[in-house]
Amino acid sequence: MTLEGTVVNGTIVLDGAPPLPEGARVRVELTGADDLEDWENAPPPPTTETHEEFLASLRESIANVNDGQGMEARQFLKELAIKMKLPLQPGE
């Protein structure tokens, strides 16, 4: 099924407001070359997280690493590649 719509205040509004089931996965494709150029220069989406919540999250992450709950970046990326069925780096 292909649906079309317009972005209004950062939200996609589908033409005709078709009822979609809650949790339905969708794929968004920009149409027109001008849209793509605008997209590349778009700012990141706004966050709903407060500064205090962000700092608390960072503190929790640091505490987890200090408690030995972290892993090396290479190991994480290898496990992620396996999980997402991506090619591994040569020798892995």
N, C-alpha and C. Protein backbone atom coordinates (compact mmCIF):
# COMPACT_ATOMS: atom_id res chain seq x y z
N MET A 1 0.85 -1.17 0.00
CA MET A 1 0.00 0.00 0.00
C MET A 1 0.89 1.23 0.00
N THR A 2 0.61 2.18 -0.87
CA THR A 2 1.36 3.43 -0.91
C THR A 2 0.44 4.56 -0.51
N LEU A 3 0.86 5.34 0.47
CA LEU A 3 0.09 6.48 0.94
C LEU A 3 0.93 7.73 0.74
N GLU A 4 0.29 8.85 0.58
CA GLU A 4 1.00 10.11 0.45
C GLU A 4 0.50 11.07 1.51
N GLY A 5 1.34 12.05 1.82
CA GLY A 5 0.96 13.03 2.81
C GLY A 5 1.90 14.22 2.77
N THR A 6 1.78 15.06 3.78
CA THR A 6 2.56 16.28 3.87
C THR A 6 3.07 16.42 5.30
N VAL A 7 4.29 16.95 5.43
CA VAL A 7 4.82 17.22 6.76
C VAL A 7 4.26 18.55 7.23
N VAL A 8 3.61 18.54 8.38
CA VAL A 8 3.03 19.74 8.98
C VAL A 8 3.57 19.85 10.40
N ASN A 9 4.33 20.91 10.66
CA ASN A 9 4.94 21.10 11.99
C ASN A 9 5.70 19.87 12.45
N GLY A 10 6.44 19.23 11.52
CA GLY A 10 7.27 18.10 11.87
C GLY A 10 6.55 16.76 11.96
N THR A 11 5.26 16.74 11.67
CA THR A 11 4.48 15.51 11.73
C THR A 11 3.95 15.17 10.35
N ILE A 12 4.00 13.91 9.97
CA ILE A 12 3.47 13.50 8.67
C ILE A 12 1.97 13.36 8.77
N VAL A 13 1.26 14.12 7.95
CA VAL A 13 -0.20 14.06 7.88
C VAL A 13 -0.56 13.38 6.57
N LEU A 14 -1.12 12.18 6.66
CA LEU A 14 -1.45 11.43 5.46
C LEU A 14 -2.71 11.97 4.80
N ASP A 15 -2.70 11.99 3.48
CA ASP A 15 -3.87 12.43 2.72
C ASP A 15 -5.05 11.53 3.03
N GLY A 16 -6.18 12.11 3.36
CA GLY A 16 -7.39 11.35 3.64
C GLY A 16 -7.43 10.73 5.02
N ALA A 17 -6.38 10.91 5.82
CA ALA A 17 -6.29 10.39 7.19
C ALA A 17 -6.73 8.93 7.28
N PRO A 18 -6.08 8.03 6.52
CA PRO A 18 -6.48 6.62 6.58
C PRO A 18 -6.18 6.03 7.96
N PRO A 19 -7.04 5.15 8.45
CA PRO A 19 -6.79 4.54 9.76
C PRO A 19 -5.69 3.48 9.64
N LEU A 20 -4.61 3.68 10.36
CA LEU A 20 -3.54 2.70 10.38
C LEU A 20 -3.52 2.04 11.76
N PRO A 21 -3.24 0.75 11.81
CA PRO A 21 -3.23 0.08 13.11
C PRO A 21 -2.08 0.60 13.97
N GLU A 22 -2.33 0.73 15.25
CA GLU A 22 -1.31 1.18 16.21
C GLU A 22 -0.12 0.24 16.12
N GLY A 23 1.08 0.81 16.05
CA GLY A 23 2.30 0.01 15.99
C GLY A 23 2.70 -0.41 14.60
N ALA A 24 1.91 -0.01 13.58
CA ALA A 24 2.25 -0.39 12.21
C ALA A 24 3.58 0.23 11.81
N ARG A 25 4.44 -0.53 11.15
CA ARG A 25 5.72 -0.02 10.66
C ARG A 25 5.47 0.61 9.30
N VAL A 26 6.12 1.73 9.06
CA VAL A 26 5.95 2.43 7.78
C VAL A 26 7.33 2.80 7.24
N ARG A 27 7.39 3.09 5.95
CA ARG A 27 8.61 3.57 5.32
C ARG A 27 8.29 4.93 4.70
N VAL A 28 9.15 5.89 4.96
CA VAL A 28 8.93 7.25 4.45
C VAL A 28 9.93 7.51 3.34
N GLU A 29 9.45 8.00 2.21
CA GLU A 29 10.31 8.32 1.08
C GLU A 29 10.00 9.74 0.64
N LEU A 30 11.03 10.58 0.56
CA LEU A 30 10.83 11.95 0.11
C LEU A 30 10.63 11.94 -1.39
N THR A 31 9.76 12.81 -1.87
CA THR A 31 9.55 12.93 -3.31
C THR A 31 10.06 14.28 -3.77
N GLY A 32 10.70 14.33 -4.89
CA GLY A 32 11.21 15.58 -5.45
C GLY A 32 12.63 15.86 -4.99
N ALA A 33 13.47 16.32 -5.90
CA ALA A 33 14.87 16.61 -5.60
C ALA A 33 15.01 17.76 -4.61
N ASP A 34 14.14 18.74 -4.67
CA ASP A 34 14.21 19.87 -3.75
C ASP A 34 14.02 19.42 -2.32
N ASP A 35 13.14 18.44 -2.10
CA ASP A 35 12.90 17.94 -0.75
C ASP A 35 14.16 17.33 -0.17
N LEU A 36 14.89 16.58 -0.99
CA LEU A 36 16.10 15.93 -0.51
C LEU A 36 17.15 16.95 -0.10
N GLU A 37 17.29 18.01 -0.88
CA GLU A 37 18.25 19.05 -0.55
C GLU A 37 17.89 19.70 0.78
N ASP A 38 16.62 19.98 1.01
CA ASP A 38 16.17 20.56 2.27
C ASP A 38 16.43 19.60 3.43
N TRP A 39 16.20 18.31 3.20
CA TRP A 39 16.37 17.30 4.24
C TRP A 39 17.80 17.24 4.73
N GLU A 40 18.76 17.34 3.81
CA GLU A 40 20.17 17.25 4.18
C GLU A 40 20.59 18.40 5.09
N ASN A 41 19.89 19.53 5.01
CA ASN A 41 20.23 20.70 5.82
C ASN A 41 19.31 20.86 7.02
N ALA A 42 18.43 19.90 7.24
CA ALA A 42 17.45 20.01 8.33
C ALA A 42 18.13 19.83 9.69
N PRO A 43 17.65 20.56 10.69
CA PRO A 43 18.21 20.37 12.04
C PRO A 43 17.72 19.04 12.61
N PRO A 44 18.39 18.52 13.64
CA PRO A 44 17.92 17.28 14.25
C PRO A 44 16.55 17.50 14.89
N PRO A 45 15.79 16.41 15.05
CA PRO A 45 14.46 16.57 15.66
C PRO A 45 14.58 17.03 17.10
N PRO A 46 13.61 17.78 17.58
CA PRO A 46 13.66 18.25 18.97
C PRO A 46 13.53 17.07 19.94
N THR A 47 14.13 17.22 21.09
CA THR A 47 14.05 16.17 22.10
C THR A 47 13.02 16.56 23.16
N THR A 48 12.40 15.57 23.73
CA THR A 48 11.44 15.84 24.81
C THR A 48 12.12 15.67 26.16
N GLU A 49 13.37 15.24 26.14
CA GLU A 49 14.13 15.01 27.36
C GLU A 49 14.64 16.34 27.92
N THR A 50 14.49 16.54 29.22
CA THR A 50 15.00 17.76 29.84
C THR A 50 16.52 17.62 30.03
N HIS A 51 17.16 18.74 30.29
CA HIS A 51 18.60 18.74 30.52
C HIS A 51 18.94 17.88 31.73
N GLU A 52 18.14 17.97 32.77
CA GLU A 52 18.37 17.18 33.97
C GLU A 52 18.24 15.68 33.68
N GLU A 53 17.25 15.29 32.88
CA GLU A 53 17.07 13.88 32.51
C GLU A 53 18.26 13.39 31.68
N PHE A 54 18.73 14.25 30.79
CA PHE A 54 19.89 13.89 29.97
C PHE A 54 21.12 13.66 30.85
N LEU A 55 21.36 14.57 31.79
CA LEU A 55 22.50 14.41 32.70
C LEU A 55 22.36 13.15 33.55
N ALA A 56 21.15 12.86 34.02
CA ALA A 56 20.92 11.65 34.81
C ALA A 56 21.23 10.40 33.99
N SER A 57 20.86 10.42 32.72
CA SER A 57 21.14 9.30 31.83
C SER A 57 22.64 9.10 31.65
N LEU A 58 23.36 10.20 31.48
CA LEU A 58 24.82 10.12 31.34
C LEU A 58 25.45 9.57 32.61
N ARG A 59 24.98 10.06 33.78
CA ARG A 59 25.52 9.58 35.06
C ARG A 59 25.27 8.08 35.24
N GLU A 60 24.09 7.63 34.85
CA GLU A 60 23.76 6.22 34.95
C GLU A 60 24.67 5.39 34.03
N SER A 61 24.91 5.88 32.82
CA SER A 61 25.79 5.18 31.89
C SER A 61 27.21 5.07 32.44
N ILE A 62 27.71 6.15 33.00
CA ILE A 62 29.06 6.14 33.58
C ILE A 62 29.13 5.16 34.75
N ALA A 63 28.11 5.15 35.59
CA ALA A 63 28.07 4.23 36.72
C ALA A 63 28.05 2.78 36.23
N ASN A 64 27.29 2.50 35.18
CA ASN A 64 27.24 1.15 34.62
C ASN A 64 28.61 0.70 34.12
N VAL A 65 29.30 1.59 33.42
CA VAL A 65 30.64 1.25 32.92
C VAL A 65 31.60 1.03 34.09
N ASN A 66 31.53 1.88 35.10
CA ASN A 66 32.39 1.73 36.27
C ASN A 66 32.10 0.43 37.02
N ASP A 67 30.88 -0.08 36.91
CA ASP A 67 30.51 -1.35 37.56
C ASP A 67 30.82 -2.56 36.67
N GLY A 68 31.49 -2.30 35.54
CA GLY A 68 31.88 -3.40 34.65
C GLY A 68 30.81 -3.85 33.69
N GLN A 69 29.77 -3.05 33.48
CA GLN A 69 28.67 -3.45 32.61
C GLN A 69 28.87 -3.02 31.16
N GLY A 70 29.99 -2.37 30.85
CA GLY A 70 30.23 -1.92 29.48
C GLY A 70 30.98 -2.97 28.67
N MET A 71 31.23 -2.65 27.40
CA MET A 71 32.05 -3.50 26.56
C MET A 71 32.81 -2.62 25.58
N GLU A 72 33.89 -3.16 25.04
CA GLU A 72 34.69 -2.41 24.10
C GLU A 72 33.88 -2.13 22.84
N ALA A 73 34.16 -1.00 22.21
CA ALA A 73 33.41 -0.58 21.02
C ALA A 73 33.49 -1.62 19.91
N ARG A 74 34.69 -2.19 19.68
CA ARG A 74 34.83 -3.19 18.62
C ARG A 74 33.94 -4.40 18.86
N GLN A 75 33.87 -4.86 20.11
CA GLN A 75 33.03 -6.00 20.44
C GLN A 75 31.55 -5.65 20.24
N PHE A 76 31.16 -4.45 20.67
CA PHE A 76 29.77 -4.02 20.49
C PHE A 76 29.41 -3.98 19.01
N LEU A 77 30.29 -3.38 18.19
CA LEU A 77 30.01 -3.27 16.76
C LEU A 77 29.96 -4.64 16.09
N LYS A 78 30.82 -5.57 16.53
CA LYS A 78 30.78 -6.91 15.98
C LYS A 78 29.44 -7.59 16.31
N GLU A 79 29.02 -7.50 17.57
CA GLU A 79 27.75 -8.10 17.97
C GLU A 79 26.57 -7.46 17.25
N LEU A 80 26.63 -6.14 17.07
CA LEU A 80 25.57 -5.44 16.35
C LEU A 80 25.51 -5.89 14.89
N ALA A 81 26.68 -6.04 14.25
CA ALA A 81 26.72 -6.49 12.86
C ALA A 81 26.12 -7.88 12.73
N ILE A 82 26.44 -8.76 13.67
CA ILE A 82 25.89 -10.12 13.64
C ILE A 82 24.38 -10.07 13.82
N LYS A 83 23.92 -9.28 14.78
CA LYS A 83 22.48 -9.17 15.05
C LYS A 83 21.72 -8.62 13.85
N MET A 84 22.31 -7.63 13.18
CA MET A 84 21.63 -6.98 12.05
C MET A 84 21.96 -7.65 10.71
N LYS A 85 22.71 -8.76 10.78
CA LYS A 85 23.09 -9.52 9.58
C LYS A 85 23.86 -8.65 8.59
N LEU A 86 24.81 -7.88 9.12
CA LEU A 86 25.67 -7.03 8.31
C LEU A 86 27.02 -7.74 8.12
N PRO A 87 27.75 -7.40 7.04
CA PRO A 87 29.05 -8.03 6.86
C PRO A 87 30.01 -7.61 7.95
N LEU A 88 30.83 -8.56 8.40
CA LEU A 88 31.85 -8.28 9.41
C LEU A 88 33.09 -7.75 8.75
N GLN A 89 33.92 -7.09 9.54
CA GLN A 89 35.19 -6.61 9.04
C GLN A 89 36.07 -7.82 8.72
N PRO A 90 37.00 -7.69 7.76
CA PRO A 90 37.89 -8.82 7.44
C PRO A 90 38.62 -9.31 8.70
N GLY A 91 38.70 -10.61 8.85
CA GLY A 91 39.39 -11.18 10.00
C GLY A 91 38.51 -11.40 11.22
N GLU A 92 37.24 -11.05 11.13
CA GLU A 92 36.35 -11.23 12.29
C GLU A 92 35.36 -12.37 12.02
